[in-house]
Amino acid sequence: AAWRFPVEIDVASSSAKLENGVLTLSLGKKVPVSNISQL
């Protein structure tokens, strides 16, 4: 199975557990980081 989400997934804040034949995924959203530097 595969899913595509509107934002990137943050692996560090994601988890998965398997209970009674059901896989539950909690997928953290990656917060976009601004790359603007001030001059």
All heavy atoms as atom14 arrays in JSON, in Angstrom:
{
  "sequence": "AAWRFPVEIDVASSSAKLENGVLTLSLGKKVPVSNISQL",
  "atom14_mask": [
    [1, 1, 1, 1, 1, 0, 0, 0, 0, 0, 0, 0, 0, 0],
    [1, 1, 1, 1, 1, 0, 0, 0, 0, 0, 0, 0, 0, 0],
    [1, 1, 1, 1, 1, 1, 1, 1, 1, 1, 1, 1, 1, 1],
    [1, 1, 1, 1, 1, 1, 1, 1, 1, 1, 1, 0, 0, 0],
    [1, 1, 1, 1, 1, 1, 1, 1, 1, 1, 1, 0, 0, 0],
    [1, 1, 1, 1, 1, 1, 1, 0, 0, 0, 0, 0, 0, 0],
    [1, 1, 1, 1, 1, 1, 1, 0, 0, 0, 0, 0, 0, 0],
    [1, 1, 1, 1, 1, 1, 1, 1, 1, 0, 0, 0, 0, 0],
    [1, 1, 1, 1, 1, 1, 1, 1, 0, 0, 0, 0, 0, 0],
    [1, 1, 1, 1, 1, 1, 1, 1, 0, 0, 0, 0, 0, 0],
    [1, 1, 1, 1, 1, 1, 1, 0, 0, 0, 0, 0, 0, 0],
    [1, 1, 1, 1, 1, 0, 0, 0, 0, 0, 0, 0, 0, 0],
    [1, 1, 1, 1, 1, 1, 0, 0, 0, 0, 0, 0, 0, 0],
    [1, 1, 1, 1, 1, 1, 0, 0, 0, 0, 0, 0, 0, 0],
    [1, 1, 1, 1, 1, 1, 0, 0, 0, 0, 0, 0, 0, 0],
    [1, 1, 1, 1, 1, 0, 0, 0, 0, 0, 0, 0, 0, 0],
    [1, 1, 1, 1, 1, 1, 1, 1, 1, 0, 0, 0, 0, 0],
    [1, 1, 1, 1, 1, 1, 1, 1, 0, 0, 0, 0, 0, 0],
    [1, 1, 1, 1, 1, 1, 1, 1, 1, 0, 0, 0, 0, 0],
    [1, 1, 1, 1, 1, 1, 1, 1, 0, 0, 0, 0, 0, 0],
    [1, 1, 1, 1, 0, 0, 0, 0, 0, 0, 0, 0, 0, 0],
    [1, 1, 1, 1, 1, 1, 1, 0, 0, 0, 0, 0, 0, 0],
    [1, 1, 1, 1, 1, 1, 1, 1, 0, 0, 0, 0, 0, 0],
    [1, 1, 1, 1, 1, 1, 1, 0, 0, 0, 0, 0, 0, 0],
    [1, 1, 1, 1, 1, 1, 1, 1, 0, 0, 0, 0, 0, 0],
    [1, 1, 1, 1, 1, 1, 0, 0, 0, 0, 0, 0, 0, 0],
    [1, 1, 1, 1, 1, 1, 1, 1, 0, 0, 0, 0, 0, 0],
    [1, 1, 1, 1, 0, 0, 0, 0, 0, 0, 0, 0, 0, 0],
    [1, 1, 1, 1, 1, 1, 1, 1, 1, 0, 0, 0, 0, 0],
    [1, 1, 1, 1, 1, 1, 1, 1, 1, 0, 0, 0, 0, 0],
    [1, 1, 1, 1, 1, 1, 1, 0, 0, 0, 0, 0, 0, 0],
    [1, 1, 1, 1, 1, 1, 1, 0, 0, 0, 0, 0, 0, 0],
    [1, 1, 1, 1, 1, 1, 1, 0, 0, 0, 0, 0, 0, 0],
    [1, 1, 1, 1, 1, 1, 0, 0, 0, 0, 0, 0, 0, 0],
    [1, 1, 1, 1, 1, 1, 1, 1, 0, 0, 0, 0, 0, 0],
    [1, 1, 1, 1, 1, 1, 1, 1, 0, 0, 0, 0, 0, 0],
    [1, 1, 1, 1, 1, 1, 0, 0, 0, 0, 0, 0, 0, 0],
    [1, 1, 1, 1, 1, 1, 1, 1, 1, 0, 0, 0, 0, 0],
    [1, 1, 1, 1, 1, 1, 1, 1, 0, 0, 0, 0, 0, 0]
  ],
  "atom14_positions": [
    [[0.85, -1.19, 0.0], [0.0, 0.0, 0.0], [0.88, 1.23, 0.0], [2.01, 1.2, 0.49], [-0.91, 0.0, 1.23], [0.0, 0.0, 0.0], [0.0, 0.0, 0.0], [0.0, 0.0, 0.0], [0.0, 0.0, 0.0], [0.0, 0.0, 0.0], [0.0, 0.0, 0.0], [0.0, 0.0, 0.0], [0.0, 0.0, 0.0], [0.0, 0.0, 0.0]],
    [[0.37, 2.32, -0.58], [1.13, 3.57, -0.6], [0.17, 4.74, -0.51], [-0.97, 4.67, -0.99], [1.96, 3.67, -1.87], [0.0, 0.0, 0.0], [0.0, 0.0, 0.0], [0.0, 0.0, 0.0], [0.0, 0.0, 0.0], [0.0, 0.0, 0.0], [0.0, 0.0, 0.0], [0.0, 0.0, 0.0], [0.0, 0.0, 0.0], [0.0, 0.0, 0.0]],
    [[0.62, 5.78, 0.15], [-0.17, 7.0, 0.28], [0.72, 8.2, -0.01], [1.9, 8.2, 0.33], [-0.71, 7.17, 1.72], [-1.63, 6.09, 2.15], [-3.0, 6.08, 2.05], [-1.3, 4.84, 2.77], [-3.5, 4.92, 2.57], [-2.47, 4.13, 3.02], [-0.07, 4.26, 3.13], [-2.49, 2.89, 3.62], [-0.09, 3.01, 3.72], [-1.29, 2.34, 3.95]],
    [[0.13, 9.23, -0.61], [0.85, 10.49, -0.81], [0.12, 11.57, -0.02], [-1.1, 11.65, -0.06], [0.9, 10.85, -2.29], [1.44, 12.26, -2.53], [1.88, 12.46, -3.95], [3.3, 12.18, -4.05], [3.9, 11.75, -5.16], [3.19, 11.52, -6.23], [5.19, 11.53, -5.17], [0.0, 0.0, 0.0], [0.0, 0.0, 0.0], [0.0, 0.0, 0.0]],
    [[0.88, 12.38, 0.71], [0.31, 13.41, 1.56], [0.65, 14.8, 1.01], [1.61, 14.95, 0.25], [0.84, 13.25, 2.99], [0.35, 11.99, 3.65], [1.1, 10.83, 3.59], [-0.88, 11.95, 4.29], [0.64, 9.65, 4.17], [-1.34, 10.78, 4.87], [-0.59, 9.63, 4.81], [0.0, 0.0, 0.0], [0.0, 0.0, 0.0], [0.0, 0.0, 0.0]],
    [[-0.12, 15.82, 1.41], [0.12, 17.18, 0.9], [1.45, 17.78, 1.38], [1.96, 18.68, 0.75], [-1.05, 17.99, 1.47], [-2.06, 17.0, 1.93], [-1.33, 15.73, 2.22], [0.0, 0.0, 0.0], [0.0, 0.0, 0.0], [0.0, 0.0, 0.0], [0.0, 0.0, 0.0], [0.0, 0.0, 0.0], [0.0, 0.0, 0.0], [0.0, 0.0, 0.0]],
    [[1.97, 17.3, 2.5], [3.25, 17.82, 2.99], [4.18, 16.65, 3.27], [3.75, 15.51, 3.4], [3.1, 18.67, 4.28], [2.24, 19.9, 4.04], [2.56, 17.85, 5.43], [0.0, 0.0, 0.0], [0.0, 0.0, 0.0], [0.0, 0.0, 0.0], [0.0, 0.0, 0.0], [0.0, 0.0, 0.0], [0.0, 0.0, 0.0], [0.0, 0.0, 0.0]],
    [[5.49, 16.94, 3.37], [6.46, 15.89, 3.66], [6.25, 15.34, 5.06], [5.78, 16.03, 5.96], [7.89, 16.43, 3.52], [8.31, 16.6, 2.09], [9.82, 16.79, 1.94], [10.57, 16.44, 2.87], [10.23, 17.29, 0.88], [0.0, 0.0, 0.0], [0.0, 0.0, 0.0], [0.0, 0.0, 0.0], [0.0, 0.0, 0.0], [0.0, 0.0, 0.0]],
    [[6.63, 14.08, 5.24], [6.48, 13.41, 6.52], [7.78, 13.53, 7.3], [8.86, 13.29, 6.77], [6.11, 11.92, 6.31], [4.81, 11.79, 5.51], [6.01, 11.2, 7.65], [3.61, 12.48, 6.11], [0.0, 0.0, 0.0], [0.0, 0.0, 0.0], [0.0, 0.0, 0.0], [0.0, 0.0, 0.0], [0.0, 0.0, 0.0], [0.0, 0.0, 0.0]],
    [[7.65, 13.89, 8.57], [8.81, 13.99, 9.46], [8.98, 12.65, 10.18], [8.2, 12.31, 11.06], [8.58, 15.13, 10.46], [9.75, 15.29, 11.42], [10.88, 14.93, 11.04], [9.54, 15.78, 12.54], [0.0, 0.0, 0.0], [0.0, 0.0, 0.0], [0.0, 0.0, 0.0], [0.0, 0.0, 0.0], [0.0, 0.0, 0.0], [0.0, 0.0, 0.0]],
    [[10.0, 11.9, 9.76], [10.2, 10.56, 10.3], [10.45, 10.6, 11.81], [9.96, 9.76, 12.56], [11.37, 9.85, 9.58], [11.59, 8.45, 10.15], [11.1, 9.77, 8.09], [0.0, 0.0, 0.0], [0.0, 0.0, 0.0], [0.0, 0.0, 0.0], [0.0, 0.0, 0.0], [0.0, 0.0, 0.0], [0.0, 0.0, 0.0], [0.0, 0.0, 0.0]],
    [[11.19, 11.62, 12.27], [11.55, 11.71, 13.69], [10.32, 11.81, 14.6], [10.34, 11.32, 15.72], [12.47, 12.91, 13.92], [0.0, 0.0, 0.0], [0.0, 0.0, 0.0], [0.0, 0.0, 0.0], [0.0, 0.0, 0.0], [0.0, 0.0, 0.0], [0.0, 0.0, 0.0], [0.0, 0.0, 0.0], [0.0, 0.0, 0.0], [0.0, 0.0, 0.0]],
    [[9.23, 12.42, 14.1], [8.04, 12.56, 14.94], [6.93, 11.61, 14.52], [5.76, 11.82, 14.82], [7.55, 14.01, 14.91], [7.13, 14.36, 13.61], [0.0, 0.0, 0.0], [0.0, 0.0, 0.0], [0.0, 0.0, 0.0], [0.0, 0.0, 0.0], [0.0, 0.0, 0.0], [0.0, 0.0, 0.0], [0.0, 0.0, 0.0], [0.0, 0.0, 0.0]],
    [[7.3, 10.54, 13.82], [6.32, 9.55, 13.38], [6.49, 8.25, 14.15], [7.56, 7.98, 14.68], [6.49, 9.26, 11.87], [6.25, 10.42, 11.12], [0.0, 0.0, 0.0], [0.0, 0.0, 0.0], [0.0, 0.0, 0.0], [0.0, 0.0, 0.0], [0.0, 0.0, 0.0], [0.0, 0.0, 0.0], [0.0, 0.0, 0.0], [0.0, 0.0, 0.0]],
    [[5.41, 7.47, 14.23], [5.49, 6.19, 14.91], [4.52, 5.2, 14.27], [3.6, 5.59, 13.55], [5.15, 6.35, 16.4], [3.81, 6.79, 16.55], [0.0, 0.0, 0.0], [0.0, 0.0, 0.0], [0.0, 0.0, 0.0], [0.0, 0.0, 0.0], [0.0, 0.0, 0.0], [0.0, 0.0, 0.0], [0.0, 0.0, 0.0], [0.0, 0.0, 0.0]],
    [[4.77, 3.93, 14.54], [3.91, 2.87, 14.01], [3.72, 1.82, 15.08], [4.65, 1.51, 15.82], [4.54, 2.25, 12.77], [0.0, 0.0, 0.0], [0.0, 0.0, 0.0], [0.0, 0.0, 0.0], [0.0, 0.0, 0.0], [0.0, 0.0, 0.0], [0.0, 0.0, 0.0], [0.0, 0.0, 0.0], [0.0, 0.0, 0.0], [0.0, 0.0, 0.0]],
    [[2.5, 1.28, 15.19], [2.29, 0.17, 16.11], [1.34, -0.84, 15.49], [0.49, -0.49, 14.67], [1.83, 0.64, 17.48], [0.45, 1.23, 17.54], [0.09, 1.63, 18.97], [-1.37, 2.06, 19.01], [-1.76, 2.74, 20.21], [0.0, 0.0, 0.0], [0.0, 0.0, 0.0], [0.0, 0.0, 0.0], [0.0, 0.0, 0.0], [0.0, 0.0, 0.0]],
    [[1.53, -2.09, 15.88], [0.73, -3.18, 15.34], [0.01, -3.86, 16.49], [0.66, -4.36, 17.41], [1.63, -4.18, 14.59], [0.97, -5.39, 13.95], [-0.04, -4.98, 12.88], [2.01, -6.3, 13.34], [0.0, 0.0, 0.0], [0.0, 0.0, 0.0], [0.0, 0.0, 0.0], [0.0, 0.0, 0.0], [0.0, 0.0, 0.0], [0.0, 0.0, 0.0]],
    [[-1.32, -3.81, 16.48], [-2.12, -4.42, 17.53], [-3.31, -5.14, 16.92], [-4.05, -4.54, 16.14], [-2.64, -3.34, 18.5], [-1.68, -2.96, 19.6], [-2.29, -1.9, 20.52], [-3.14, -1.11, 20.09], [-1.9, -1.9, 21.7], [0.0, 0.0, 0.0], [0.0, 0.0, 0.0], [0.0, 0.0, 0.0], [0.0, 0.0, 0.0], [0.0, 0.0, 0.0]],
    [[-3.49, -6.39, 17.29], [-4.64, -7.17, 16.85], [-4.85, -7.14, 15.33], [-5.97, -7.0, 14.85], [-5.91, -6.7, 17.55], [-5.77, -6.74, 19.06], [-5.17, -7.65, 19.61], [-6.3, -5.74, 19.74], [0.0, 0.0, 0.0], [0.0, 0.0, 0.0], [0.0, 0.0, 0.0], [0.0, 0.0, 0.0], [0.0, 0.0, 0.0], [0.0, 0.0, 0.0]],
    [[-3.75, -7.23, 14.58], [-3.86, -7.26, 13.12], [-4.1, -5.92, 12.47], [-4.38, -5.86, 11.28], [0.0, 0.0, 0.0], [0.0, 0.0, 0.0], [0.0, 0.0, 0.0], [0.0, 0.0, 0.0], [0.0, 0.0, 0.0], [0.0, 0.0, 0.0], [0.0, 0.0, 0.0], [0.0, 0.0, 0.0], [0.0, 0.0, 0.0], [0.0, 0.0, 0.0]],
    [[-3.99, -4.83, 13.23], [-4.19, -3.49, 12.67], [-2.91, -2.68, 12.85], [-2.43, -2.51, 13.97], [-5.38, -2.76, 13.32], [-5.54, -1.36, 12.72], [-6.67, -3.56, 13.15], [0.0, 0.0, 0.0], [0.0, 0.0, 0.0], [0.0, 0.0, 0.0], [0.0, 0.0, 0.0], [0.0, 0.0, 0.0], [0.0, 0.0, 0.0], [0.0, 0.0, 0.0]],
    [[-2.36, -2.21, 11.74], [-1.18, -1.35, 11.78], [-1.66, 0.09, 11.84], [-2.44, 0.54, 10.99], [-0.34, -1.57, 10.51], [0.92, -0.72, 10.39], [1.95, -1.11, 11.45], [1.52, -0.87, 9.0], [0.0, 0.0, 0.0], [0.0, 0.0, 0.0], [0.0, 0.0, 0.0], [0.0, 0.0, 0.0], [0.0, 0.0, 0.0], [0.0, 0.0, 0.0]],
    [[-1.24, 0.82, 12.87], [-1.61, 2.22, 13.03], [-0.37, 3.09, 12.88], [0.62, 2.9, 13.6], [-2.25, 2.46, 14.42], [-3.39, 1.6, 14.56], [-2.7, 3.91, 14.56], [0.0, 0.0, 0.0], [0.0, 0.0, 0.0], [0.0, 0.0, 0.0], [0.0, 0.0, 0.0], [0.0, 0.0, 0.0], [0.0, 0.0, 0.0], [0.0, 0.0, 0.0]],
    [[-0.43, 4.01, 11.95], [0.69, 4.93, 11.71], [0.3, 6.32, 12.17], [-0.78, 6.81, 11.84], [1.05, 4.97, 10.23], [1.48, 3.68, 9.55], [1.76, 3.92, 8.08], [2.68, 3.09, 10.23], [0.0, 0.0, 0.0], [0.0, 0.0, 0.0], [0.0, 0.0, 0.0], [0.0, 0.0, 0.0], [0.0, 0.0, 0.0], [0.0, 0.0, 0.0]],
    [[1.19, 6.94, 12.93], [1.04, 8.34, 13.29], [2.2, 9.06, 12.6], [3.36, 8.83, 12.92], [1.12, 8.52, 14.8], [1.07, 9.9, 15.12], [0.0, 0.0, 0.0], [0.0, 0.0, 0.0], [0.0, 0.0, 0.0], [0.0, 0.0, 0.0], [0.0, 0.0, 0.0], [0.0, 0.0, 0.0], [0.0, 0.0, 0.0], [0.0, 0.0, 0.0]],
    [[1.86, 9.87, 11.61], [2.87, 10.46, 10.74], [2.98, 11.95, 10.98], [2.05, 12.71, 10.72], [2.5, 10.2, 9.27], [2.31, 8.71, 8.92], [1.59, 8.57, 7.58], [3.64, 8.0, 8.9], [0.0, 0.0, 0.0], [0.0, 0.0, 0.0], [0.0, 0.0, 0.0], [0.0, 0.0, 0.0], [0.0, 0.0, 0.0], [0.0, 0.0, 0.0]],
    [[4.13, 12.37, 11.51], [4.35, 13.78, 11.78], [4.51, 14.58, 10.51], [5.13, 14.12, 9.55], [0.0, 0.0, 0.0], [0.0, 0.0, 0.0], [0.0, 0.0, 0.0], [0.0, 0.0, 0.0], [0.0, 0.0, 0.0], [0.0, 0.0, 0.0], [0.0, 0.0, 0.0], [0.0, 0.0, 0.0], [0.0, 0.0, 0.0], [0.0, 0.0, 0.0]],
    [[3.94, 15.78, 10.5], [4.09, 16.67, 9.35], [5.38, 17.46, 9.48], [5.68, 18.0, 10.55], [2.93, 17.66, 9.28], [1.58, 17.01, 9.06], [0.48, 18.05, 9.02], [-0.89, 17.43, 8.87], [-1.96, 18.42, 8.88], [0.0, 0.0, 0.0], [0.0, 0.0, 0.0], [0.0, 0.0, 0.0], [0.0, 0.0, 0.0], [0.0, 0.0, 0.0]],
    [[6.15, 17.5, 8.41], [7.39, 18.28, 8.42], [7.03, 19.76, 8.28], [6.31, 20.14, 7.38], [8.3, 17.83, 7.29], [9.71, 18.39, 7.41], [10.65, 17.71, 6.42], [11.36, 16.55, 7.07], [12.43, 15.98, 6.23], [0.0, 0.0, 0.0], [0.0, 0.0, 0.0], [0.0, 0.0, 0.0], [0.0, 0.0, 0.0], [0.0, 0.0, 0.0]],
    [[7.52, 20.55, 9.21], [7.24, 21.98, 9.18], [8.2, 22.64, 8.19], [9.42, 22.48, 8.3], [7.42, 22.6, 10.59], [7.15, 24.09, 10.55], [6.52, 21.91, 11.59], [0.0, 0.0, 0.0], [0.0, 0.0, 0.0], [0.0, 0.0, 0.0], [0.0, 0.0, 0.0], [0.0, 0.0, 0.0], [0.0, 0.0, 0.0], [0.0, 0.0, 0.0]],
    [[7.66, 23.35, 7.2], [8.54, 23.98, 6.23], [9.44, 25.01, 6.92], [8.99, 25.77, 7.75], [7.6, 24.67, 5.24], [6.22, 24.35, 5.67], [6.26, 23.62, 6.97], [0.0, 0.0, 0.0], [0.0, 0.0, 0.0], [0.0, 0.0, 0.0], [0.0, 0.0, 0.0], [0.0, 0.0, 0.0], [0.0, 0.0, 0.0], [0.0, 0.0, 0.0]],
    [[10.7, 25.0, 6.55], [11.66, 25.93, 7.14], [11.95, 27.02, 6.12], [12.2, 26.74, 4.96], [12.97, 25.19, 7.51], [14.0, 26.18, 8.05], [12.69, 24.1, 8.52], [0.0, 0.0, 0.0], [0.0, 0.0, 0.0], [0.0, 0.0, 0.0], [0.0, 0.0, 0.0], [0.0, 0.0, 0.0], [0.0, 0.0, 0.0], [0.0, 0.0, 0.0]],
    [[11.89, 28.26, 6.57], [12.19, 29.38, 5.68], [13.69, 29.46, 5.44], [14.48, 29.38, 6.38], [11.69, 30.68, 6.31], [12.2, 31.76, 5.57], [0.0, 0.0, 0.0], [0.0, 0.0, 0.0], [0.0, 0.0, 0.0], [0.0, 0.0, 0.0], [0.0, 0.0, 0.0], [0.0, 0.0, 0.0], [0.0, 0.0, 0.0], [0.0, 0.0, 0.0]],
    [[14.09, 29.56, 4.19], [15.5, 29.65, 3.85], [15.93, 31.09, 3.56], [16.96, 31.32, 2.95], [15.81, 28.77, 2.64], [15.71, 27.3, 2.98], [16.05, 26.9, 4.09], [15.22, 26.49, 2.06], [0.0, 0.0, 0.0], [0.0, 0.0, 0.0], [0.0, 0.0, 0.0], [0.0, 0.0, 0.0], [0.0, 0.0, 0.0], [0.0, 0.0, 0.0]],
    [[15.12, 32.05, 3.98], [15.44, 33.44, 3.7], [16.48, 33.93, 4.7], [16.31, 33.78, 5.92], [14.17, 34.33, 3.77], [13.17, 33.88, 2.7], [14.52, 35.81, 3.61], [11.82, 34.56, 2.79], [0.0, 0.0, 0.0], [0.0, 0.0, 0.0], [0.0, 0.0, 0.0], [0.0, 0.0, 0.0], [0.0, 0.0, 0.0], [0.0, 0.0, 0.0]],
    [[17.55, 34.49, 4.19], [18.58, 35.09, 5.05], [18.43, 36.6, 4.96], [18.11, 37.16, 3.91], [19.98, 34.69, 4.57], [20.11, 33.29, 4.63], [0.0, 0.0, 0.0], [0.0, 0.0, 0.0], [0.0, 0.0, 0.0], [0.0, 0.0, 0.0], [0.0, 0.0, 0.0], [0.0, 0.0, 0.0], [0.0, 0.0, 0.0], [0.0, 0.0, 0.0]],
    [[18.69, 37.27, 6.08], [18.64, 38.73, 6.11], [20.01, 39.3, 5.83], [21.01, 38.82, 6.34], [18.14, 39.21, 7.49], [16.71, 38.8, 7.79], [15.7, 39.38, 6.83], [15.81, 40.52, 6.4], [14.7, 38.57, 6.47], [0.0, 0.0, 0.0], [0.0, 0.0, 0.0], [0.0, 0.0, 0.0], [0.0, 0.0, 0.0], [0.0, 0.0, 0.0]],
    [[20.03, 40.29, 4.97], [21.28, 40.97, 4.63], [21.3, 42.32, 5.33], [20.36, 43.11, 5.18], [21.39, 41.14, 3.12], [22.66, 41.8, 2.59], [23.89, 40.94, 2.94], [22.58, 42.02, 1.09], [0.0, 0.0, 0.0], [0.0, 0.0, 0.0], [0.0, 0.0, 0.0], [0.0, 0.0, 0.0], [0.0, 0.0, 0.0], [0.0, 0.0, 0.0]]
  ]
}
